[in-house]
Structure formats: C-alpha cells, structure tokens
C-alpha atoms as a PDB file:
ATOM      1  CA  MET A   1       0.000   0.000   0.000  1.00  0.00           C
ATOM      2  CA  LEU A   2       1.348   3.428  -0.991  1.00  0.00           C
ATOM      3  CA  SER A   3       2.013   5.774   1.928  1.00  0.00           C
ATOM      4  CA  VAL A   4       2.279   9.478   1.139  1.00  0.00           C
ATOM      5  CA  THR A   5       3.615  11.907   3.747  1.00  0.00           C
ATOM      6  CA  ILE A   6       1.854  15.243   3.810  1.00  0.00           C
ATOM      7  CA  PRO A   7       4.113  18.255   4.366  1.00  0.00           C
ATOM      8  CA  SER A   8       3.456  20.101   7.593  1.00  0.00           C
ATOM      9  CA  SER A   9       2.645  23.240   5.578  1.00  0.00           C
ATOM     10  CA  ALA A  10      -0.446  21.484   4.250  1.00  0.00           C
ATOM     11  CA  CYS A  11      -1.773  20.533   7.698  1.00  0.00           C
ATOM     12  CA  LEU A  12      -3.799  23.714   8.159  1.00  0.00           C
ATOM     13  CA  ILE A  13      -5.630  23.217   4.871  1.00  0.00           C
ATOM     14  CA  ILE A  14      -6.367  19.581   5.671  1.00  0.00           C
ATOM     15  CA  HIS A  15      -7.558  20.377   9.186  1.00  0.00           C
ATOM     16  CA  THR A  16      -9.876  23.016   7.723  1.00  0.00           C
ATOM     17  CA  ILE A  17     -11.334  20.455   5.341  1.00  0.00           C
ATOM     18  CA  VAL A  18     -11.841  18.029   8.212  1.00  0.00           C
ATOM     19  CA  LEU A  19     -13.665  20.656  10.280  1.00  0.00           C
ATOM     20  CA  GLU A  20     -15.872  21.700   7.389  1.00  0.00           C
ATOM     21  CA  LEU A  21     -16.849  18.139   6.641  1.00  0.00           C
ATOM     22  CA  ALA A  22     -17.312  17.172  10.305  1.00  0.00           C
ATOM     23  CA  TYR A  23     -19.472  20.171  11.202  1.00  0.00           C
ATOM     24  CA  GLY A  24     -21.702  20.068   8.158  1.00  0.00           C
ATOM     25  CA  ARG A  25     -20.247  22.876   6.042  1.00  0.00           C
ATOM     26  CA  SER A  26     -20.046  20.431   3.135  1.00  0.00           C
ATOM     27  CA  ASN A  27     -22.855  18.453   1.570  1.00  0.00           C
ATOM     28  CA  LEU A  28     -20.657  15.387   1.522  1.00  0.00           C
ATOM     29  CA  GLY A  29     -21.483  14.696   5.162  1.00  0.00           C
ATOM     30  CA  ARG A  30     -18.234  12.772   5.487  1.00  0.00           C
ATOM     31  CA  ARG A  31     -14.918  13.174   7.337  1.00  0.00           C
ATOM     32  CA  ILE A  32     -11.368  12.796   6.136  1.00  0.00           C
ATOM     33  CA  LEU A  33      -9.501  10.591   8.595  1.00  0.00           C
ATOM     34  CA  LEU A  34      -5.769  11.038   8.944  1.00  0.00           C
ATOM     35  CA  ASP A  35      -3.142   8.854  10.566  1.00  0.00           C
ATOM     36  CA  GLY A  36      -1.026  11.654  12.029  1.00  0.00           C
ATOM     37  CA  GLU A  37       0.173  13.485   8.946  1.00  0.00           C
ATOM     38  CA  THR A  38       0.167  10.388   6.772  1.00  0.00           C
ATOM     39  CA  VAL A  39      -2.598   9.477   4.349  1.00  0.00           C
ATOM     40  CA  ILE A  40      -3.107   5.715   4.122  1.00  0.00           C
ATOM     41  CA  GLY A  41      -3.426   4.449   0.570  1.00  0.00           C
ATOM     42  CA  ASN A  42      -3.046   6.321  -2.701  1.00  0.00           C
ATOM     43  CA  SER A  43      -5.845   8.756  -1.898  1.00  0.00           C
ATOM     44  CA  LEU A  44      -7.510  10.390   1.069  1.00  0.00           C
ATOM     45  CA  ALA A  45      -9.601   7.887   3.040  1.00  0.00           C
ATOM     46  CA  VAL A  46     -13.221   9.051   3.259  1.00  0.00           C
ATOM     47  CA  MET A  47     -15.452   7.460   5.917  1.00  0.00           C
ATOM     48  CA  SER A  48     -18.758   8.185   7.612  1.00  0.00           C
ATOM     49  CA  PRO A  49     -18.727  10.182  10.883  1.00  0.00           C
ATOM     50  CA  THR A  50     -19.957   7.184  12.860  1.00  0.00           C
ATOM     51  CA  SER A  51     -16.870   5.166  11.978  1.00  0.00           C
ATOM     52  CA  ALA A  52     -14.542   7.548  13.811  1.00  0.00           C
ATOM     53  CA  LYS A  53     -13.655   6.521  17.357  1.00  0.00           C
ATOM     54  CA  THR A  54     -14.644   8.905  20.134  1.00  0.00           C
ATOM     55  CA  PRO A  55     -13.535   8.633  23.770  1.00  0.00           C
ATOM     56  CA  ASP A  56     -15.870   6.654  26.038  1.00  0.00           C
ATOM     57  CA  LEU A  57     -15.857   8.863  29.111  1.00  0.00           C
ATOM     58  CA  ARG A  58     -17.700   6.265  31.169  1.00  0.00           C
ATOM     59  CA  LYS A  59     -14.801   3.868  30.780  1.00  0.00           C
ATOM     60  CA  GLU A  60     -12.069   6.480  30.829  1.00  0.00           C
ATOM     61  CA  LEU A  61     -13.240   8.357  33.926  1.00  0.00           C
ATOM     62  CA  PHE A  62     -15.806   6.319  35.863  1.00  0.00           C
ATOM     63  CA  ASP A  63     -14.668   2.722  35.403  1.00  0.00           C
ATOM     64  CA  LEU A  64     -13.787   1.099  38.746  1.00  0.00           C
ATOM     65  CA  ARG A  65     -12.929  -2.355  37.422  1.00  0.00           C
ATOM     66  CA  GLY A  66      -9.921  -3.869  39.179  1.00  0.00           C
ATOM     67  CA  ARG A  67     -10.307  -1.667  42.248  1.00  0.00           C
ATOM     68  CA  ILE A  68     -11.224  -2.713  45.759  1.00  0.00           C
ATOM     69  CA  ALA A  69     -13.583  -0.611  47.851  1.00  0.00           C
ATOM     70  CA  LEU A  70     -14.141  -0.943  51.594  1.00  0.00           C
ATOM     71  CA  VAL A  71     -17.423   0.630  52.719  1.00  0.00           C
ATOM     72  CA  THR A  72     -18.021   0.805  56.459  1.00  0.00           C
ATOM     73  CA  GLY A  73     -21.541   0.509  57.821  1.00  0.00           C
ATOM     74  CA  SER A  74     -22.750  -0.927  54.532  1.00  0.00           C
ATOM     75  CA  SER A  75     -25.224  -3.655  55.471  1.00  0.00           C
ATOM     76  CA  LYS A  76     -28.158  -1.271  54.936  1.00  0.00           C
ATOM     77  CA  GLY A  77     -29.200   2.281  54.102  1.00  0.00           C
ATOM     78  CA  ILE A  78     -26.834   4.783  52.529  1.00  0.00           C
ATOM     79  CA  GLY A  79     -23.773   2.560  52.974  1.00  0.00           C
ATOM     80  CA  TYR A  80     -25.466  -0.309  51.164  1.00  0.00           C
ATOM     81  CA  THR A  81     -26.483   2.001  48.317  1.00  0.00           C
ATOM     82  CA  ILE A  82     -22.952   3.366  47.950  1.00  0.00           C
ATOM     83  CA  ALA A  83     -21.505  -0.150  47.989  1.00  0.00           C
ATOM     84  CA  ALA A  84     -23.948  -1.215  45.274  1.00  0.00           C
ATOM     85  CA  ALA A  85     -23.035   1.808  43.162  1.00  0.00           C
ATOM     86  CA  LEU A  86     -19.295   1.165  43.390  1.00  0.00           C
ATOM     87  CA  GLY A  87     -19.853  -2.502  42.614  1.00  0.00           C
ATOM     88  CA  SER A  88     -21.980  -1.630  39.595  1.00  0.00           C
ATOM     89  CA  ALA A  89     -19.112   0.540  38.347  1.00  0.00           C
ATOM     90  CA  GLY A  90     -16.861  -2.526  38.474  1.00  0.00           C
ATOM     91  CA  ALA A  91     -15.227  -2.429  41.909  1.00  0.00           C
ATOM     92  CA  ILE A  92     -14.809  -5.411  44.197  1.00  0.00           C
ATOM     93  CA  VAL A  93     -16.769  -4.293  47.247  1.00  0.00           C
ATOM     94  CA  VAL A  94     -15.998  -5.217  50.861  1.00  0.00           C
ATOM     95  CA  LEU A  95     -19.022  -4.724  53.103  1.00  0.00           C
ATOM     96  CA  ASN A  96     -18.547  -3.898  56.754  1.00  0.00           C
ATOM     97  CA  GLY A  97     -20.720  -4.003  59.846  1.00  0.00           C
ATOM     98  CA  ARG A  98     -20.900  -5.627  63.249  1.00  0.00           C
ATOM     99  CA  GLU A  99     -23.917  -7.875  62.599  1.00  0.00           C
ATOM    100  CA  LYS A 100     -22.725 -10.882  60.613  1.00  0.00           C
ATOM    101  CA  ALA A 101     -26.211 -12.083  59.731  1.00  0.00           C
ATOM    102  CA  ARG A 102     -27.238  -8.738  58.279  1.00  0.00           C
ATOM    103  CA  LEU A 103     -23.950  -8.515  56.371  1.00  0.00           C
ATOM    104  CA  ALA A 104     -24.554 -11.944  54.866  1.00  0.00           C
ATOM    105  CA  VAL A 105     -27.987 -10.870  53.630  1.00  0.00           C
ATOM    106  CA  ALA A 106     -26.557  -7.709  52.073  1.00  0.00           C
ATOM    107  CA  ARG A 107     -23.752  -9.698  50.436  1.00  0.00           C
ATOM    108  CA  ASP A 108     -26.171 -12.211  48.969  1.00  0.00           C
ATOM    109  CA  ASP A 109     -28.457  -9.474  47.671  1.00  0.00           C
ATOM    110  CA  LEU A 110     -25.629  -7.702  45.880  1.00  0.00           C
ATOM    111  CA  ALA A 111     -24.109 -10.936  44.607  1.00  0.00           C
ATOM    112  CA  ALA A 112     -27.499 -11.792  43.087  1.00  0.00           C
ATOM    113  CA  GLN A 113     -27.139  -8.583  41.074  1.00  0.00           C
ATOM    114  CA  GLY A 114     -23.894  -9.910  39.625  1.00  0.00           C
ATOM    115  CA  LEU A 115     -21.562  -7.863  41.811  1.00  0.00           C
ATOM    116  CA  ASP A 116     -18.282  -9.086  43.311  1.00  0.00           C
ATOM    117  CA  VAL A 117     -18.848  -8.715  47.066  1.00  0.00           C
ATOM    118  CA  ARG A 118     -16.931  -9.726  50.195  1.00  0.00           C
ATOM    119  CA  VAL A 119     -17.635  -9.088  53.864  1.00  0.00           C
ATOM    120  CA  SER A 120     -15.451  -7.929  56.735  1.00  0.00           C
ATOM    121  CA  PRO A 121     -17.289  -7.720  60.064  1.00  0.00           C
ATOM    122  CA  PHE A 122     -15.388  -5.539  62.509  1.00  0.00           C
ATOM    123  CA  ASP A 123     -16.046  -2.760  64.998  1.00  0.00           C
ATOM    124  CA  VAL A 124     -15.029   0.584  63.455  1.00  0.00           C
ATOM    125  CA  THR A 125     -14.334   2.028  66.913  1.00  0.00           C
ATOM    126  CA  ASP A 126     -11.856  -0.696  67.943  1.00  0.00           C
ATOM    127  CA  PRO A 127      -8.275  -0.009  66.737  1.00  0.00           C
ATOM    128  CA  LYS A 128      -7.198  -3.636  67.159  1.00  0.00           C
ATOM    129  CA  GLN A 129     -10.107  -5.014  65.116  1.00  0.00           C
ATOM    130  CA  ILE A 130      -9.591  -2.351  62.464  1.00  0.00           C
ATOM    131  CA  GLY A 131      -5.897  -3.131  62.081  1.00  0.00           C
ATOM    132  CA  GLU A 132      -6.516  -6.864  61.787  1.00  0.00           C
ATOM    133  CA  ALA A 133      -9.355  -6.374  59.293  1.00  0.00           C
ATOM    134  CA  VAL A 134      -7.363  -4.066  57.018  1.00  0.00           C
ATOM    135  CA  GLU A 135      -4.447  -6.502  56.991  1.00  0.00           C
ATOM    136  CA  ALA A 136      -6.800  -9.393  56.172  1.00  0.00           C
ATOM    137  CA  ILE A 137      -8.473  -7.518  53.319  1.00  0.00           C
ATOM    138  CA  GLU A 138      -5.143  -6.487  51.804  1.00  0.00           C
ATOM    139  CA  ARG A 139      -3.888 -10.057  52.090  1.00  0.00           C
ATOM    140  CA  ASP A 140      -6.963 -12.011  50.993  1.00  0.00           C
ATOM    141  CA  VAL A 141      -8.766  -9.635  48.625  1.00  0.00           C
ATOM    142  CA  GLY A 142      -6.153  -7.124  47.528  1.00  0.00           C
ATOM    143  CA  PRO A 143      -5.064  -3.523  48.073  1.00  0.00           C
ATOM    144  CA  ILE A 144      -7.811  -1.200  49.237  1.00  0.00           C
ATOM    145  CA  ASN A 145      -8.065   1.484  46.551  1.00  0.00           C
ATOM    146  CA  ILE A 146     -11.241   3.140  47.814  1.00  0.00           C
ATOM    147  CA  LEU A 147     -12.409   3.686  51.384  1.00  0.00           C
ATOM    148  CA  VAL A 148     -15.864   4.978  52.245  1.00  0.00           C
ATOM    149  CA  ASN A 149     -16.211   5.954  55.905  1.00  0.00           C
ATOM    150  CA  ASN A 150     -19.976   5.669  56.233  1.00  0.00           C
ATOM    151  CA  ALA A 151     -20.576   4.062  59.643  1.00  0.00           C
ATOM    152  CA  GLY A 152     -22.585   6.330  61.889  1.00  0.00           C
ATOM    153  CA  MET A 153     -25.422   6.608  64.372  1.00  0.00           C
ATOM    154  CA  GLN A 154     -28.014   9.114  65.560  1.00  0.00           C
ATOM    155  CA  TYR A 155     -29.438   9.912  68.994  1.00  0.00           C
ATOM    156  CA  ARG A 156     -32.063  12.592  69.546  1.00  0.00           C
ATOM    157  CA  SER A 157     -32.503  14.535  72.758  1.00  0.00           C
ATOM    158  CA  ALA A 158     -32.565  18.131  73.877  1.00  0.00           C
ATOM    159  CA  PHE A 159     -29.052  19.339  74.667  1.00  0.00           C
ATOM    160  CA  GLN A 160     -29.785  19.906  78.354  1.00  0.00           C
ATOM    161  CA  ASP A 161     -31.021  16.320  78.756  1.00  0.00           C
ATOM    162  CA  PHE A 162     -28.500  14.564  76.505  1.00  0.00           C
ATOM    163  CA  PRO A 163     -26.975  11.503  78.271  1.00  0.00           C
ATOM    164  CA  LEU A 164     -23.199  11.422  78.591  1.00  0.00           C
ATOM    165  CA  ASP A 165     -22.949   7.820  77.423  1.00  0.00           C
ATOM    166  CA  ALA A 166     -24.925   8.684  74.252  1.00  0.00           C
ATOM    167  CA  TRP A 167     -22.563  11.606  73.613  1.00  0.00           C
ATOM    168  CA  ARG A 168     -19.549   9.325  73.873  1.00  0.00           C
ATOM    169  CA  ARG A 169     -21.078   6.664  71.624  1.00  0.00           C
ATOM    170  CA  LEU A 170     -21.906   9.295  69.014  1.00  0.00           C
ATOM    171  CA  GLN A 171     -18.377  10.671  69.039  1.00  0.00           C
ATOM    172  CA  ALA A 172     -16.828   7.206  68.846  1.00  0.00           C
ATOM    173  CA  THR A 173     -19.058   5.919  66.060  1.00  0.00           C
ATOM    174  CA  ASN A 174     -19.248   9.057  63.936  1.00  0.00           C
ATOM    175  CA  VAL A 175     -15.825  10.646  64.432  1.00  0.00           C
ATOM    176  CA  ASP A 176     -13.359   8.145  65.940  1.00  0.00           C
ATOM    177  CA  SER A 177     -14.236   5.616  63.227  1.00  0.00           C
ATOM    178  CA  VAL A 178     -13.303   8.043  60.446  1.00  0.00           C
ATOM    179  CA  PHE A 179      -9.971   8.756  62.112  1.00  0.00           C
ATOM    180  CA  LEU A 180      -9.153   5.142  62.979  1.00  0.00           C
ATOM    181  CA  VAL A 181     -10.216   3.394  59.764  1.00  0.00           C
ATOM    182  CA  GLY A 182      -8.995   6.296  57.647  1.00  0.00           C
ATOM    183  CA  GLN A 183      -5.567   6.208  59.244  1.00  0.00           C
ATOM    184  CA  ALA A 184      -5.188   2.424  58.931  1.00  0.00           C
ATOM    185  CA  VAL A 185      -6.123   2.435  55.240  1.00  0.00           C
ATOM    186  CA  ALA A 186      -4.240   5.646  54.404  1.00  0.00           C
ATOM    187  CA  ARG A 187      -1.005   4.115  55.651  1.00  0.00           C
ATOM    188  CA  LYS A 188      -1.402   1.413  52.983  1.00  0.00           C
ATOM    189  CA  MET A 189      -2.378   3.911  50.289  1.00  0.00           C
ATOM    190  CA  ILE A 190       0.654   6.073  51.030  1.00  0.00           C
ATOM    191  CA  LEU A 191       2.954   3.195  50.099  1.00  0.00           C
ATOM    192  CA  ARG A 192       1.152   2.889  46.750  1.00  0.00           C
ATOM    193  CA  ARG A 193       0.912   6.677  46.304  1.00  0.00           C
ATOM    194  CA  ARG A 194      -2.684   6.401  45.206  1.00  0.00           C
ATOM    195  CA  GLY A 195      -6.103   6.154  46.815  1.00  0.00           C
ATOM    196  CA  LYS A 196      -9.584   7.552  47.322  1.00  0.00           C
ATOM    197  CA  ILE A 197     -11.173   8.220  50.703  1.00  0.00           C
ATOM    198  CA  ILE A 198     -14.786   9.362  50.964  1.00  0.00           C
ATOM    199  CA  ASN A 199     -16.078  10.452  54.352  1.00  0.00           C
ATOM    200  CA  VAL A 200     -19.850  10.570  54.665  1.00  0.00           C
ATOM    201  CA  CYS A 201     -20.804  13.914  56.147  1.00  0.00           C
ATOM    202  CA  SER A 202     -24.296  15.413  56.320  1.00  0.00           C
ATOM    203  CA  VAL A 203     -26.191  18.644  55.843  1.00  0.00           C
ATOM    204  CA  GLN A 204     -25.721  18.777  59.616  1.00  0.00           C
ATOM    205  CA  SER A 205     -22.063  19.430  58.855  1.00  0.00           C
ATOM    206  CA  GLU A 206     -23.384  22.905  58.027  1.00  0.00           C
ATOM    207  CA  LEU A 207     -26.816  23.238  59.635  1.00  0.00           C
ATOM    208  CA  GLY A 208     -28.307  22.664  63.066  1.00  0.00           C
ATOM    209  CA  ARG A 209     -31.677  21.214  64.050  1.00  0.00           C
ATOM    210  CA  PRO A 210     -33.470  20.876  67.392  1.00  0.00           C
ATOM    211  CA  ASN A 211     -32.497  17.898  69.572  1.00  0.00           C
ATOM    212  CA  ILE A 212     -29.432  16.813  67.580  1.00  0.00           C
ATOM    213  CA  ALA A 213     -26.708  19.196  68.773  1.00  0.00           C
ATOM    214  CA  PRO A 214     -24.199  16.391  69.549  1.00  0.00           C
ATOM    215  CA  TYR A 215     -24.905  14.685  66.208  1.00  0.00           C
ATOM    216  CA  ALA A 216     -24.338  17.962  64.358  1.00  0.00           C
ATOM    217  CA  SER A 217     -21.077  18.395  66.238  1.00  0.00           C
ATOM    218  CA  THR A 218     -19.882  14.997  64.985  1.00  0.00           C
ATOM    219  CA  LYS A 219     -20.713  15.786  61.375  1.00  0.00           C
ATOM    220  CA  GLY A 220     -19.038  19.171  61.640  1.00  0.00           C
ATOM    221  CA  ALA A 221     -15.973  17.355  62.944  1.00  0.00           C
ATOM    222  CA  VAL A 222     -16.031  14.902  60.016  1.00  0.00           C
ATOM    223  CA  LYS A 223     -16.206  17.807  57.594  1.00  0.00           C
ATOM    224  CA  MET A 224     -13.071  19.424  59.041  1.00  0.00           C
ATOM    225  CA  LEU A 225     -11.294  16.085  59.462  1.00  0.00           C
ATOM    226  CA  THR A 226     -11.902  15.479  55.758  1.00  0.00           C
ATOM    227  CA  LYS A 227     -10.237  18.751  54.855  1.00  0.00           C
ATOM    228  CA  GLY A 228      -7.296  18.075  57.154  1.00  0.00           C
ATOM    229  CA  MET A 229      -6.835  14.576  55.762  1.00  0.00           C
ATOM    230  CA  ALA A 230      -6.872  15.972  52.226  1.00  0.00           C
ATOM    231  CA  ILE A 231      -4.104  18.420  53.117  1.00  0.00           C
ATOM    232  CA  ASP A 232      -1.850  15.809  54.720  1.00  0.00           C
ATOM    233  CA  LEU A 233      -2.470  13.009  52.220  1.00  0.00           C
ATOM    234  CA  GLY A 234      -2.684  14.929  48.957  1.00  0.00           C
ATOM    235  CA  LYS A 235       1.071  14.814  48.371  1.00  0.00           C
ATOM    236  CA  PHE A 236       0.840  11.008  48.292  1.00  0.00           C
ATOM    237  CA  GLY A 237      -1.651  10.962  45.418  1.00  0.00           C
ATOM    238  CA  ILE A 238      -4.616  10.376  47.731  1.00  0.00           C
ATOM    239  CA  GLN A 239      -7.832  12.345  47.356  1.00  0.00           C
ATOM    240  CA  VAL A 240     -10.025  12.745  50.444  1.00  0.00           C
ATOM    241  CA  ASN A 241     -13.492  14.193  49.980  1.00  0.00           C
ATOM    242  CA  GLY A 242     -16.813  14.271  51.772  1.00  0.00           C
ATOM    243  CA  LEU A 243     -20.254  13.200  50.620  1.00  0.00           C
ATOM    244  CA  GLY A 244     -22.967  15.231  52.333  1.00  0.00           C
ATOM    245  CA  PRO A 245     -26.442  13.687  52.075  1.00  0.00           C
ATOM    246  CA  GLY A 246     -29.484  15.771  52.820  1.00  0.00           C
ATOM    247  CA  TYR A 247     -32.723  14.167  53.976  1.00  0.00           C
ATOM    248  CA  PHE A 248     -33.088  10.735  52.385  1.00  0.00           C
ATOM    249  CA  LYS A 249     -35.632   8.013  52.872  1.00  0.00           C
ATOM    250  CA  THR A 250     -33.860   5.240  54.806  1.00  0.00           C
ATOM    251  CA  GLU A 251     -34.580   2.917  57.703  1.00  0.00           C
ATOM    252  CA  LEU A 252     -33.065   5.491  60.054  1.00  0.00           C
ATOM    253  CA  THR A 253     -35.399   8.268  58.864  1.00  0.00           C
ATOM    254  CA  GLU A 254     -38.561   6.184  58.566  1.00  0.00           C
ATOM    255  CA  ALA A 255     -40.192   7.855  61.594  1.00  0.00           C
ATOM    256  CA  LEU A 256     -39.573  11.304  60.110  1.00  0.00           C
ATOM    257  CA  VAL A 257     -40.821  10.223  56.694  1.00  0.00           C
ATOM    258  CA  ASN A 258     -44.056   9.076  58.327  1.00  0.00           C
ATOM    259  CA  ASP A 259     -44.357  12.335  60.249  1.00  0.00           C
ATOM    260  CA  GLN A 260     -46.500  14.386  57.877  1.00  0.00           C
ATOM    261  CA  ALA A 261     -45.762  17.661  59.648  1.00  0.00           C
ATOM    262  CA  PHE A 262     -42.019  17.125  59.271  1.00  0.00           C
ATOM    263  CA  THR A 263     -42.361  15.994  55.656  1.00  0.00           C
ATOM    264  CA  ASP A 264     -44.394  19.111  54.857  1.00  0.00           C
ATOM    265  CA  TRP A 265     -41.751  21.270  56.541  1.00  0.00           C
ATOM    266  CA  LEU A 266     -38.977  19.543  54.604  1.00  0.00           C
ATOM    267  CA  ALA A 267     -40.756  19.924  51.285  1.00  0.00           C
ATOM    268  CA  GLY A 268     -41.142  23.636  51.946  1.00  0.00           C
ATOM    269  CA  ARG A 269     -37.565  24.046  53.163  1.00  0.00           C
ATOM    270  CA  THR A 270     -35.907  22.144  50.294  1.00  0.00           C
ATOM    271  CA  PRO A 271     -35.821  23.758  46.822  1.00  0.00           C
ATOM    272  CA  ALA A 272     -36.407  20.308  45.285  1.00  0.00           C
ATOM    273  CA  GLY A 273     -39.575  20.090  47.382  1.00  0.00           C
ATOM    274  CA  ARG A 274     -39.208  16.481  48.506  1.00  0.00           C
ATOM    275  CA  TRP A 275     -37.235  13.791  50.296  1.00  0.00           C
ATOM    276  CA  GLY A 276     -34.226  12.354  48.510  1.00  0.00           C
ATOM    277  CA  GLU A 277     -34.174   8.776  47.236  1.00  0.00           C
ATOM    278  CA  VAL A 278     -31.024   6.875  48.189  1.00  0.00           C
ATOM    279  CA  ASP A 279     -30.334   5.927  44.572  1.00  0.00           C
ATOM    280  CA  GLU A 280     -29.691   9.621  43.946  1.00  0.00           C
ATOM    281  CA  LEU A 281     -26.442   9.267  45.894  1.00  0.00           C
ATOM    282  CA  ARG A 282     -24.953   6.761  43.461  1.00  0.00           C
ATOM    283  CA  GLY A 283     -23.565   9.137  40.858  1.00  0.00           C
ATOM    284  CA  ALA A 284     -21.803  11.347  43.384  1.00  0.00           C
ATOM    285  CA  ALA A 285     -20.263   8.329  45.121  1.00  0.00           C
ATOM    286  CA  VAL A 286     -18.886   6.892  41.878  1.00  0.00           C
ATOM    287  CA  PHE A 287     -17.589  10.328  40.869  1.00  0.00           C
ATOM    288  CA  LEU A 288     -15.626  10.759  44.097  1.00  0.00           C
ATOM    289  CA  ALA A 289     -14.304   7.182  43.913  1.00  0.00           C
ATOM    290  CA  SER A 290     -13.195   7.380  40.290  1.00  0.00           C
ATOM    291  CA  ASP A 291     -10.577   9.067  38.148  1.00  0.00           C
ATOM    292  CA  ALA A 292     -13.188  11.689  37.260  1.00  0.00           C
ATOM    293  CA  SER A 293     -12.350  13.398  40.568  1.00  0.00           C
ATOM    294  CA  SER A 294      -8.560  13.143  40.291  1.00  0.00           C
ATOM    295  CA  PHE A 295      -8.113  16.868  41.030  1.00  0.00           C
ATOM    296  CA  VAL A 296     -10.894  17.159  43.588  1.00  0.00           C
ATOM    297  CA  ASN A 297      -9.533  17.161  47.132  1.00  0.00           C
ATOM    298  CA  GLY A 298     -10.880  18.371  50.453  1.00  0.00           C
ATOM    299  CA  HIS A 299     -14.311  19.065  48.978  1.00  0.00           C
ATOM    300  CA  ILE A 300     -17.689  18.295  50.562  1.00  0.00           C
ATOM    301  CA  LEU A 301     -20.222  17.410  47.882  1.00  0.00           C
ATOM    302  CA  TYR A 302     -23.735  17.986  49.187  1.00  0.00           C
ATOM    303  CA  ILE A 303     -26.540  15.967  47.639  1.00  0.00           C
ATOM    304  CA  ASP A 304     -29.403  17.662  49.392  1.00  0.00           C
ATOM    305  CA  GLY A 305     -31.933  19.003  46.906  1.00  0.00           C
ATOM    306  CA  GLY A 306     -30.554  22.496  47.546  1.00  0.00           C
ATOM    307  CA  ILE A 307     -31.310  22.724  51.260  1.00  0.00           C
ATOM    308  CA  THR A 308     -27.850  24.083  52.158  1.00  0.00           C
ATOM    309  CA  ALA A 309     -28.244  26.775  49.495  1.00  0.00           C
ATOM    310  CA  SER A 310     -31.513  28.072  50.874  1.00  0.00           C
ATOM    311  CA  LEU A 311     -32.502  30.139  53.904  1.00  0.00           C
END
C-alpha cells in the first residue's frame, strides 16, 4: 500500500477540510480521517462520521474495574447504596458491619445482582479489630483502593437532657471511626501513592436542628477532618473528599418520613420540594471514587436538593 507523507505546511488546509466536513459545512457529510500526517493508501480515506472513534468517558473516567472498595456501615441504608453503586461501576466491594447475619444478607443481595462482594465484620471504633481487618483484606482480597467511611449513628434529645454515654457513643461511632479506619487504610495507600477516601458527612455538617446538637457536632468534625486529611495526604496521590447527604428516605429516617408535619416542613424548606431517594447518591459516590475526581480534594459534595443553598 502506498504511503504518502503530507508536508506540515499542508496541515492547516487539511484540518480546515476536516472541520468543514465534520461540522456540516459540506454536503458530503463525510470526514477525512488522517493517521497523524500520513494518508493511508493512494488517496484520502473518506469514511462516515460514525466510523470515527470517540472517547468513552464512562470507561475512561468512571470505570472502577480492578479496584477494591471498603465501605463501612454498609449492610443497609446509605452505605449499602454506595456499595452497590461502586460494585456496579466494576469495583470489588468489601461490606462492613458488626452484625454478621445482616452482612450476609446484604452480600447475597448484591451478589445476586452480579456484583463481586466480600464481607469484613469488625467494629469501626476498635483499633485492634480495624488493624486486623485491614491486613486481612489487603492479604486475601487485595489492596484497598477506595475507602468509604460511612458508619454512623443518631441519637435525639434536647441538649440539656442529653446523656453522657450517648454523647460518647456518638463521638466514637461518627468521628473516631473516620480517624481510625482512615488512618489504617491511608497508611497502605501512602505506600502505593494512590487512593480515594470518601467520608460521609451530612447537611448537619453545616446546619443545626433541634435535639441533635451532639450529632451535628460529629458531622461538623467529620467535615473538618476530611479537609485536614486531604491536606496531609494529597502529596501522596490520595484524594479525600466528603459526601454530604441531605434528607433521604432510609430505615433510620422512617419515623420522620411518616411524620407528615415534618415531611411538609422539609418539602417547603428544600428547593427540590421532597425527600431524597437513596439511589440519587450513586452518581456522586462513583464520581468521588473514580478518576473523574482526580483533582478534587478536600471538597464536601452535598446531595441535598438544595437545602444548604436556601434560607
């Protein structure tokens, strides 16, 4: 096959022809395809626009195949939804929780959807259990590329009546867990100079509500811990960001969902005018876990129907 090299001086003319053909300035409706500056064959190759390859951004930016994601508190609710989303994007997902029976049900449900799922039951407030679990995952499953710190709890009471033991449990579950699990996994990621950590925050990282002052304090702490982690770990190629859900329909919010007065208040307070559905968290979770967010660090992404934007 004859190969003719086109002089660089002719490139501008050829590029102009390509643009005119590609953007419809010619009735030919066809594009001239070049191999660098070389025309293949003894004439210009003319092909239809659909034959030209275009980048598949889903694969290039959002594909999680070959990556391992540990999601704490993922046997139900938001954690389960995030785990399912990461698995659907191709990741091997490691579910975590303290109740083995519930974890097994979640694993089986996700496996039935064709996802690659493992389980690692450990207490996210116990440094010894965390260390052993991270070592076991890295040994038996592979390097943890993505960590989602989702484990959390809620306790409602007026500030003046709030029990001390409930305060301590809230701090341990919602804040200590992010520090302890984050540190154990980050130490592994540092050696690989790559990793994604997503800390689940809340609109209560920004806003207060009656009877949840201690809870709001924990989510404010997670927000600032996320930013601090991003600063310290960024130089190792690790991105640390927060996911801030608004009011979503889950098992934990069922009582509020069924409270018509609260639901009416929420609909009026939220620009979207409704509760969120947990599936609406999936895109944001995959974005923060994928290469699409490679230059996003220390950011809190609120998925809240606009409630944090509104007075």
